[in-house]
């Protein structure tokens, strides 16, 4: 049922929201925080201000829009509190040594008036289009994943001064900020996982190493290393693809990656030297067939982990854990409407994204701590299972509320132009 009545929300909803109350200075802010959150978790087809306001009894569009656009509160402070709450619970706390996943995600956005919009690669559709891209950080400890932070990437064409504009920042610079923010929150990642957009950036890798962090990064096939191929008298500069072609079939090990759908791959690890960086690193070549010639998918990785640990199997299995972030995007986009906002300024967009993070964490918190058990007879093994149990709880309480206050609900429908009775 779409309609959310504040007085009819589950007790755990109010308990969760009250943990953020001291961040807001005004009662209207605290009220709108609850209303917006309930709308994000609801069944409305779109998760924008108008749809949320329309789905709530006594919902007020102007009040919610003010909350998102003008009201003086800090989305970063709300986000820090969210992570603090999760870290304070045994069931939801990220274990020390978790994987820190740096990623970016895009979605279509028409026009040119929205902050950061531009023609760029949009992963959601797999091609260049007009849209928005965000850089994100996530934690995964092998059993659970937690979104940590999010920042808007401002495409150069969206800025008056282009790439020379003072506020323009490259994605690797934003990624480094998110890594710093993670450490400032007191989190202790054991491994940073980077896709090729970041793994090919040597300055970023250097700065990650300077922080004492280990990484496994995807790299492009034209990445150059110093390596001694057969026939070389010393280490020469070669592309990783050229090196891979010179490896023998017996250099590869067959392993099975434990993904949503298990995947069999063949991997090989070699010691290489990276231009502009001192010391050796370990590179990994991953094939979807037993030989390079037969492979139709070839991936390349790089790590600064000690060579004793950085086996081909370890590198491939470590990087495969990045798959969790795709699960999160599916949940955040498909069920929580993280891309459904209809605001144009960066502040409002960022606030919407953080409210989606808060909604995701509420469900995860209740799922892992047992707060939804009374609303389901089956195990709540997935986020979607838990979200459905939450909606069952709301549905039951809303129906009970309507039976007690039918006139108020009828008035709500009347305000929308409908007759209920």
Protein backbone atom coordinates (compact mmCIF):
# COMPACT_ATOMS: atom_id res chain seq x y z
CA UNK A 1 0.00 0.00 0.00
CA UNK A 2 1.45 3.35 -1.02
CA UNK A 3 0.12 5.63 1.66
CA UNK A 4 2.30 6.29 4.66
CA UNK A 5 0.80 7.76 7.83
CA UNK A 6 3.46 8.83 10.37
CA UNK A 7 1.36 7.67 13.33
CA UNK A 8 1.04 4.21 11.77
CA UNK A 9 4.70 3.51 11.08
CA UNK A 10 6.38 0.54 12.83
CA UNK A 11 8.07 1.27 16.16
CA UNK A 12 11.47 0.32 14.76
CA UNK A 13 11.04 3.05 12.11
CA UNK A 14 10.67 5.72 14.80
CA UNK A 15 13.52 4.18 16.80
CA UNK A 16 15.79 4.42 13.75
CA UNK A 17 14.78 7.99 12.92
CA UNK A 18 15.24 9.18 16.50
CA UNK A 19 18.95 8.32 16.24
CA UNK A 20 19.29 11.28 13.84
CA UNK A 21 17.13 13.80 15.71
CA UNK A 22 19.94 15.80 17.31
CA UNK A 23 21.36 16.60 13.85
CA UNK A 24 18.26 18.66 13.03
CA UNK A 25 17.58 21.95 14.81
CA UNK A 26 13.87 22.18 14.08
CA UNK A 27 10.90 19.91 14.61
CA UNK A 28 9.78 20.42 11.00
CA UNK A 29 13.15 19.07 9.83
CA UNK A 30 12.80 15.99 12.01
CA UNK A 31 9.25 15.47 10.72
CA UNK A 32 10.23 15.86 7.07
CA UNK A 33 13.20 13.54 7.57
CA UNK A 34 10.71 10.83 8.59
CA UNK A 35 8.28 11.65 5.79
CA UNK A 36 10.93 11.63 3.08
CA UNK A 37 12.46 8.42 4.41
CA UNK A 38 9.08 6.66 4.48
CA UNK A 39 8.48 7.81 0.89
CA UNK A 40 11.81 6.38 -0.31
CA UNK A 41 10.87 3.05 1.30
CA UNK A 42 7.33 3.12 -0.04
CA UNK A 43 5.65 1.75 -3.17
CA UNK A 44 5.42 4.98 -5.14
CA UNK A 45 6.46 4.43 -8.74
CA UNK A 46 8.86 7.38 -8.62
CA UNK A 47 10.81 8.53 -5.55
CA UNK A 48 10.74 12.30 -6.10
CA UNK A 49 9.37 15.04 -3.87
CA UNK A 50 5.99 15.30 -5.61
CA UNK A 51 5.37 11.53 -5.56
CA UNK A 52 6.44 11.22 -1.93
CA UNK A 53 4.27 14.15 -0.83
CA UNK A 54 1.26 12.75 -2.71
CA UNK A 55 1.59 9.33 -1.09
CA UNK A 56 1.53 10.59 2.51
CA UNK A 57 -1.57 11.60 4.42
CA UNK A 58 -1.22 15.35 5.00
CA UNK A 59 1.96 15.32 2.91
CA UNK A 60 3.05 18.80 1.83
CA UNK A 61 5.07 19.19 -1.37
CA UNK A 62 6.40 22.64 -0.52
CA UNK A 63 7.53 21.57 2.94
CA UNK A 64 9.34 18.50 1.61
CA UNK A 65 10.90 20.48 -1.23
CA UNK A 66 12.15 23.04 1.29
CA UNK A 67 13.62 20.20 3.37
CA UNK A 68 15.52 18.88 0.39
CA UNK A 69 16.49 22.20 -1.21
CA UNK A 70 16.75 24.99 1.38
CA UNK A 71 16.54 23.71 4.95
CA UNK A 72 19.84 24.11 6.87
CA UNK A 73 21.04 20.57 7.62
CA UNK A 74 24.14 18.60 6.68
CA UNK A 75 23.78 15.49 4.52
CA UNK A 76 27.37 14.55 5.37
CA UNK A 77 26.56 14.69 9.07
CA UNK A 78 23.52 12.47 8.52
CA UNK A 79 25.65 10.05 6.54
CA UNK A 80 28.36 9.93 9.21
CA UNK A 81 25.71 9.17 11.82
CA UNK A 82 24.31 6.38 9.61
CA UNK A 83 27.72 4.70 9.38
CA UNK A 84 28.28 5.24 13.11
CA UNK A 85 24.99 3.46 13.89
CA UNK A 86 25.88 0.50 11.69
CA UNK A 87 29.35 0.29 13.20
CA UNK A 88 27.85 0.33 16.69
CA UNK A 89 25.83 -2.85 16.10
CA UNK A 90 27.53 -6.25 16.18
CA UNK A 91 25.40 -7.63 13.34
CA UNK A 92 25.89 -4.68 10.97
CA UNK A 93 29.45 -3.63 11.79
CA UNK A 94 31.98 -3.96 9.00
CA UNK A 95 34.78 -6.22 10.14
CA UNK A 96 38.29 -4.79 10.22
CA UNK A 97 40.10 -5.66 7.03
CA UNK A 98 36.99 -5.27 4.85
CA UNK A 99 37.25 -4.45 1.15
CA UNK A 100 36.87 -0.77 0.29
CA UNK A 101 35.30 -0.58 -3.18
CA UNK A 102 35.70 2.64 -5.18
CA UNK A 103 33.33 2.84 -8.11
CA UNK A 104 31.34 5.25 -10.23
CA UNK A 105 27.81 4.96 -11.46
CA UNK A 106 25.87 6.92 -14.05
CA UNK A 107 22.31 7.43 -15.16
CA UNK A 108 20.62 9.36 -17.93
CA UNK A 109 19.52 12.93 -17.33
CA UNK A 110 18.11 15.12 -20.09
CA UNK A 111 18.88 18.79 -20.66
CA UNK A 112 21.81 20.85 -19.47
CA UNK A 113 20.47 22.58 -16.36
CA UNK A 114 21.18 19.81 -13.81
CA UNK A 115 24.43 20.13 -11.87
CA UNK A 116 27.21 17.94 -13.28
CA UNK A 117 25.28 16.79 -16.35
CA UNK A 118 27.13 16.11 -19.60
CA UNK A 119 27.72 13.62 -22.38
CA UNK A 120 29.73 10.86 -20.75
CA UNK A 121 29.86 7.10 -20.40
CA UNK A 122 26.78 5.85 -18.55
CA UNK A 123 27.35 2.38 -17.14
CA UNK A 124 23.63 1.79 -16.66
CA UNK A 125 23.12 1.74 -20.43
CA UNK A 126 26.67 0.83 -21.50
CA UNK A 127 27.31 3.79 -23.79
CA UNK A 128 27.96 7.54 -23.93
CA UNK A 129 24.85 9.63 -23.34
CA UNK A 130 23.72 12.77 -21.58
CA UNK A 131 23.68 12.04 -17.87
CA UNK A 132 24.96 12.25 -14.32
CA UNK A 133 27.87 10.29 -12.84
CA UNK A 134 28.64 9.82 -9.16
CA UNK A 135 31.79 8.45 -7.53
CA UNK A 136 31.01 6.14 -4.61
CA UNK A 137 32.70 4.16 -1.86
CA UNK A 138 31.41 0.90 -0.38
CA UNK A 139 32.55 -1.59 2.21
CA UNK A 140 32.25 -5.36 1.87
CA UNK A 141 33.49 -7.79 4.50
CA UNK A 142 32.62 -11.08 2.84
CA UNK A 143 29.12 -11.41 4.27
CA UNK A 144 27.60 -7.94 4.04
CA UNK A 145 28.09 -4.74 2.11
CA UNK A 146 27.59 -1.16 3.25
CA UNK A 147 27.46 1.99 1.10
CA UNK A 148 29.83 4.51 2.67
CA UNK A 149 29.94 7.75 0.67
CA UNK A 150 28.90 9.39 -2.58
CA UNK A 151 30.04 12.46 -4.51
CA UNK A 152 28.88 14.10 -7.74
CA UNK A 153 31.36 14.13 -10.62
CA UNK A 154 30.91 17.48 -12.38
CA UNK A 155 31.44 16.94 -16.07
CA UNK A 156 33.61 19.69 -17.57
CA UNK A 157 30.86 20.81 -19.97
CA UNK A 158 28.59 21.52 -17.00
CA UNK A 159 31.03 24.09 -15.64
CA UNK A 160 31.50 27.61 -16.94
CA UNK A 161 35.27 27.26 -17.07
CA UNK A 162 35.31 23.65 -18.28
CA UNK A 163 38.31 21.68 -17.04
CA UNK A 164 39.95 24.95 -15.97
CA UNK A 165 37.04 25.80 -13.67
CA UNK A 166 38.17 25.96 -10.01
CA UNK A 167 35.56 23.39 -8.93
CA UNK A 168 36.39 20.82 -11.61
CA UNK A 169 37.89 17.62 -10.21
CA UNK A 170 38.87 14.43 -11.94
CA UNK A 171 37.32 11.18 -10.77
CA UNK A 172 40.61 9.89 -9.24
CA UNK A 173 40.78 13.04 -7.09
CA UNK A 174 37.23 12.42 -5.87
CA UNK A 175 38.13 8.78 -5.25
CA UNK A 176 41.04 9.84 -3.05
CA UNK A 177 38.71 12.14 -1.07
CA UNK A 178 36.34 9.22 -0.48
CA UNK A 179 39.22 7.04 0.73
CA UNK A 180 40.20 9.81 3.17
CA UNK A 181 36.59 10.13 4.33
CA UNK A 182 36.47 6.39 4.97
CA UNK A 183 39.58 6.57 7.15
CA UNK A 184 38.26 9.66 8.97
CA UNK A 185 35.19 7.63 9.95
CA UNK A 186 37.50 5.27 11.82
CA UNK A 187 36.99 2.43 9.35
CA UNK A 188 39.90 0.05 8.69
CA UNK A 189 39.86 -1.39 5.17
CA UNK A 190 42.24 -4.21 4.39
CA UNK A 191 42.07 -3.92 0.61
CA UNK A 192 40.97 -1.22 -1.83
CA UNK A 193 39.32 -2.49 -5.02
CA UNK A 194 39.48 -0.24 -8.08
CA UNK A 195 38.21 -0.62 -11.61
CA UNK A 196 40.39 0.32 -14.58
CA UNK A 197 39.25 3.94 -14.57
CA UNK A 198 41.19 4.31 -11.33
CA UNK A 199 43.69 1.46 -11.62
CA UNK A 200 45.36 3.07 -14.63
CA UNK A 201 46.00 6.29 -12.70
CA UNK A 202 49.54 6.02 -11.32
CA UNK A 203 49.33 9.17 -9.12
CA UNK A 204 46.24 7.72 -7.41
CA UNK A 205 47.97 4.38 -6.81
CA UNK A 206 50.98 6.20 -5.35
CA UNK A 207 48.80 8.16 -2.93
CA UNK A 208 46.94 5.01 -1.87
CA UNK A 209 50.27 3.35 -1.14
CA UNK A 210 51.45 6.41 0.81
CA UNK A 211 48.46 5.90 3.10
CA UNK A 212 49.70 2.39 3.82
CA UNK A 213 46.79 0.75 2.00
CA UNK A 214 46.82 -2.34 -0.18
CA UNK A 215 44.87 -2.48 -3.44
CA UNK A 216 43.80 -4.74 -6.27
CA UNK A 217 43.07 -2.67 -9.37
CA UNK A 218 41.87 -3.54 -12.84
CA UNK A 219 44.11 -2.17 -15.59
CA UNK A 220 43.78 -1.71 -19.33
CA UNK A 221 45.36 -4.10 -21.78
CA UNK A 222 47.74 -1.42 -23.06
CA UNK A 223 49.23 -0.77 -19.60
CA UNK A 224 53.03 -0.89 -19.81
CA UNK A 225 55.38 -2.65 -17.40
CA UNK A 226 59.04 -3.47 -17.27
CA UNK A 227 59.23 -7.24 -17.71
CA UNK A 228 61.74 -9.71 -19.12
CA UNK A 229 60.18 -11.64 -21.99
CA UNK A 230 61.89 -14.64 -23.64
CA UNK A 231 64.64 -13.20 -25.83
CA UNK A 232 65.10 -10.06 -23.69
CA UNK A 233 68.53 -9.67 -22.08
CA UNK A 234 67.03 -7.50 -19.35
CA UNK A 235 63.68 -6.10 -18.31
CA UNK A 236 62.14 -4.10 -21.14
CA UNK A 237 58.93 -2.08 -21.39
CA UNK A 238 56.08 -4.24 -22.64
CA UNK A 239 52.29 -3.95 -22.67
CA UNK A 240 50.47 -6.34 -20.35
CA UNK A 241 48.62 -7.85 -23.34
CA UNK A 242 51.93 -8.63 -25.07
CA UNK A 243 53.17 -10.26 -21.87
CA UNK A 244 50.00 -12.33 -21.58
CA UNK A 245 50.33 -13.63 -25.13
CA UNK A 246 53.79 -14.98 -24.28
CA UNK A 247 52.62 -17.02 -21.29
CA UNK A 248 52.28 -20.77 -21.74
CA UNK A 249 48.99 -22.60 -20.97
CA UNK A 250 50.66 -24.27 -17.97
CA UNK A 251 51.26 -20.81 -16.49
CA UNK A 252 47.51 -20.51 -15.86
CA UNK A 253 45.53 -22.00 -12.97
CA UNK A 254 41.86 -22.91 -13.23
CA UNK A 255 39.66 -21.55 -10.43
CA UNK A 256 35.96 -20.94 -9.82
CA UNK A 257 34.84 -17.49 -8.71
CA UNK A 258 31.96 -17.56 -6.22
CA UNK A 259 29.71 -14.90 -7.73
CA UNK A 260 25.90 -14.79 -7.90
CA UNK A 261 26.44 -17.22 -10.75
CA UNK A 262 29.72 -19.14 -10.18
CA UNK A 263 32.20 -18.49 -12.95
CA UNK A 264 35.18 -20.60 -14.05
CA UNK A 265 38.34 -18.66 -15.06
CA UNK A 266 42.04 -19.31 -15.74
CA UNK A 267 44.52 -16.99 -14.02
CA UNK A 268 48.24 -16.34 -13.98
CA UNK A 269 50.31 -14.00 -11.78
CA UNK A 270 53.64 -12.37 -12.73
CA UNK A 271 56.00 -9.95 -11.03
CA UNK A 272 56.33 -6.65 -12.88
CA UNK A 273 57.84 -3.20 -12.46
CA UNK A 274 55.60 -0.20 -13.05
CA UNK A 275 57.04 2.91 -14.76
CA UNK A 276 57.22 5.93 -12.43
CA UNK A 277 56.87 3.70 -9.35
CA UNK A 278 59.71 2.07 -7.44
CA UNK A 279 59.72 -1.61 -6.51
CA UNK A 280 57.91 -4.57 -7.95
CA UNK A 281 54.20 -5.27 -8.09
CA UNK A 282 52.17 -8.34 -9.04
CA UNK A 283 50.02 -8.37 -12.16
CA UNK A 284 47.37 -10.96 -12.92
CA UNK A 285 45.93 -12.10 -16.24
CA UNK A 286 42.45 -13.65 -16.11
CA UNK A 287 40.94 -15.58 -19.02
CA UNK A 288 37.54 -17.15 -19.56
CA UNK A 289 39.22 -20.06 -21.40
CA UNK A 290 42.27 -22.21 -20.78
CA UNK A 291 44.39 -20.43 -23.42
CA UNK A 292 44.83 -16.83 -24.50
CA UNK A 293 43.88 -17.68 -28.09
CA UNK A 294 40.55 -19.23 -27.06
CA UNK A 295 39.59 -16.56 -24.52
CA UNK A 296 36.83 -14.09 -25.41
CA UNK A 297 37.07 -12.19 -22.11
CA UNK A 298 40.47 -11.15 -20.78
CA UNK A 299 40.97 -9.08 -17.63
CA UNK A 300 44.14 -7.63 -16.17
CA UNK A 301 44.77 -6.72 -12.53
CA UNK A 302 47.55 -5.13 -10.49
CA UNK A 303 48.24 -5.29 -6.74
CA UNK A 304 50.82 -3.96 -4.29
CA UNK A 305 50.17 -6.85 -1.88
CA UNK A 306 53.23 -8.84 -0.82
CA UNK A 307 54.16 -11.44 -3.43
CA UNK A 308 53.84 -14.30 -0.93
CA UNK A 309 50.15 -13.58 -0.60
CA UNK A 310 49.42 -12.19 -4.05
CA UNK A 311 48.87 -15.46 -5.90
CA UNK A 312 46.81 -15.49 -9.06
CA UNK A 313 43.97 -17.18 -7.17
CA UNK A 314 44.03 -14.58 -4.38
CA UNK A 315 44.04 -11.64 -6.79
CA UNK A 316 41.17 -12.97 -8.90
CA UNK A 317 39.05 -13.89 -5.89
CA UNK A 318 39.76 -10.55 -4.20
CA UNK A 319 38.76 -8.50 -7.23
CA UNK A 320 35.63 -10.58 -7.79
CA UNK A 321 34.25 -9.19 -4.53
CA UNK A 322 33.66 -5.89 -6.34
CA UNK A 323 30.56 -7.63 -7.67
CA UNK A 324 28.77 -6.70 -4.44
CA UNK A 325 28.55 -3.07 -5.53
CA UNK A 326 26.41 -4.11 -8.51
CA UNK A 327 24.01 -5.77 -6.08
CA UNK A 328 23.75 -2.50 -4.15
CA UNK A 329 23.08 -0.45 -7.29
CA UNK A 330 20.32 -2.88 -8.26
CA UNK A 331 18.70 -2.39 -4.85
CA UNK A 332 19.21 1.38 -4.69
CA UNK A 333 18.03 2.05 -8.24
CA UNK A 334 15.36 -0.59 -8.54
CA UNK A 335 13.61 -0.33 -5.16
CA UNK A 336 14.74 2.89 -3.48
CA UNK A 337 14.78 5.29 -6.42
CA UNK A 338 18.26 6.74 -6.02
CA UNK A 339 18.07 8.13 -9.58
CA UNK A 340 14.43 9.29 -9.36
CA UNK A 341 15.12 12.76 -7.95
CA UNK A 342 13.71 15.70 -9.92
CA UNK A 343 15.92 18.46 -8.58
CA UNK A 344 18.74 20.22 -10.41
CA UNK A 345 21.17 21.59 -7.82
CA UNK A 346 24.01 19.55 -6.33
CA UNK A 347 22.95 20.09 -2.70
CA UNK A 348 19.45 18.66 -3.23
CA UNK A 349 20.75 15.76 -5.30
CA UNK A 350 23.30 14.86 -2.65
CA UNK A 351 20.64 15.02 0.07
CA UNK A 352 18.39 12.68 -1.90
CA UNK A 353 21.23 10.19 -2.38
CA UNK A 354 22.05 10.24 1.34
CA UNK A 355 18.38 9.71 2.24
CA UNK A 356 18.44 6.62 -0.01
CA UNK A 357 21.57 5.44 1.84
CA UNK A 358 19.73 5.95 5.15
CA UNK A 359 16.74 3.98 3.85
CA UNK A 360 18.96 1.14 2.64
CA UNK A 361 20.73 0.98 6.00
CA UNK A 362 17.45 0.99 7.94
CA UNK A 363 16.31 -2.15 6.10
CA UNK A 364 19.72 -3.78 6.39
CA UNK A 365 19.90 -2.97 10.11
CA UNK A 366 16.49 -4.50 10.77
CA UNK A 367 17.25 -7.50 8.54
CA UNK A 368 20.53 -8.36 10.28
CA UNK A 369 19.53 -7.46 13.84
CA UNK A 370 16.21 -9.35 13.71
CA UNK A 371 13.82 -6.39 13.82
CA UNK A 372 11.69 -7.76 10.98
CA UNK A 373 11.33 -11.35 12.19
CA UNK A 374 7.75 -10.96 13.41
CA UNK A 375 6.65 -9.85 9.95
CA UNK A 376 7.81 -12.94 8.03
CA UNK A 377 7.69 -16.72 8.40
CA UNK A 378 10.51 -17.28 5.89
CA UNK A 379 14.21 -16.40 6.29
CA UNK A 380 14.94 -12.82 5.21
CA UNK A 381 18.06 -13.69 3.24
CA UNK A 382 18.12 -10.81 0.78
CA UNK A 383 17.56 -7.07 0.94
CA UNK A 384 14.43 -7.48 -1.16
CA UNK A 385 13.05 -10.06 1.28
CA UNK A 386 13.63 -7.64 4.16
CA UNK A 387 12.13 -4.69 2.27
CA UNK A 388 8.99 -6.71 1.56
CA UNK A 389 8.71 -7.61 5.25
CA UNK A 390 9.02 -3.92 6.11
CA UNK A 391 6.22 -3.09 3.67
CA UNK A 392 4.03 -5.82 5.17
CA UNK A 393 4.52 -4.21 8.59
CA UNK A 394 3.58 -0.78 7.22
CA UNK A 395 0.62 -2.22 5.29
CA UNK A 396 -0.80 -3.88 8.40
CA UNK A 397 -0.41 -0.76 10.54
CA UNK A 398 -1.81 1.57 7.86
CA UNK A 399 -4.90 -0.61 7.35
CA UNK A 400 -5.45 -0.63 11.10
CA UNK A 401 -5.01 3.15 11.22
CA UNK A 402 -7.51 3.68 8.39
CA UNK A 403 -10.08 1.55 10.20
CA UNK A 404 -9.74 3.88 13.19
CA UNK A 405 -9.58 7.17 11.26
CA UNK A 406 -11.43 6.69 7.93
CA UNK A 407 -12.39 10.37 7.70
CA UNK A 408 -8.75 11.48 7.68
CA UNK A 409 -7.90 9.04 4.91
CA UNK A 410 -10.97 10.06 2.90
CA UNK A 411 -9.86 13.69 3.21
CA UNK A 412 -6.41 12.73 1.94
CA UNK A 413 -7.89 11.11 -1.16
CA UNK A 414 -10.18 14.08 -1.64
CA UNK A 415 -7.18 16.43 -1.65
CA UNK A 416 -5.78 14.37 -4.52
CA UNK A 417 -9.05 14.67 -6.44
CA UNK A 418 -10.47 11.23 -5.70
CA UNK A 419 -13.46 9.88 -3.78
CA UNK A 420 -12.80 7.23 -1.14
CA UNK A 421 -15.91 5.86 0.40
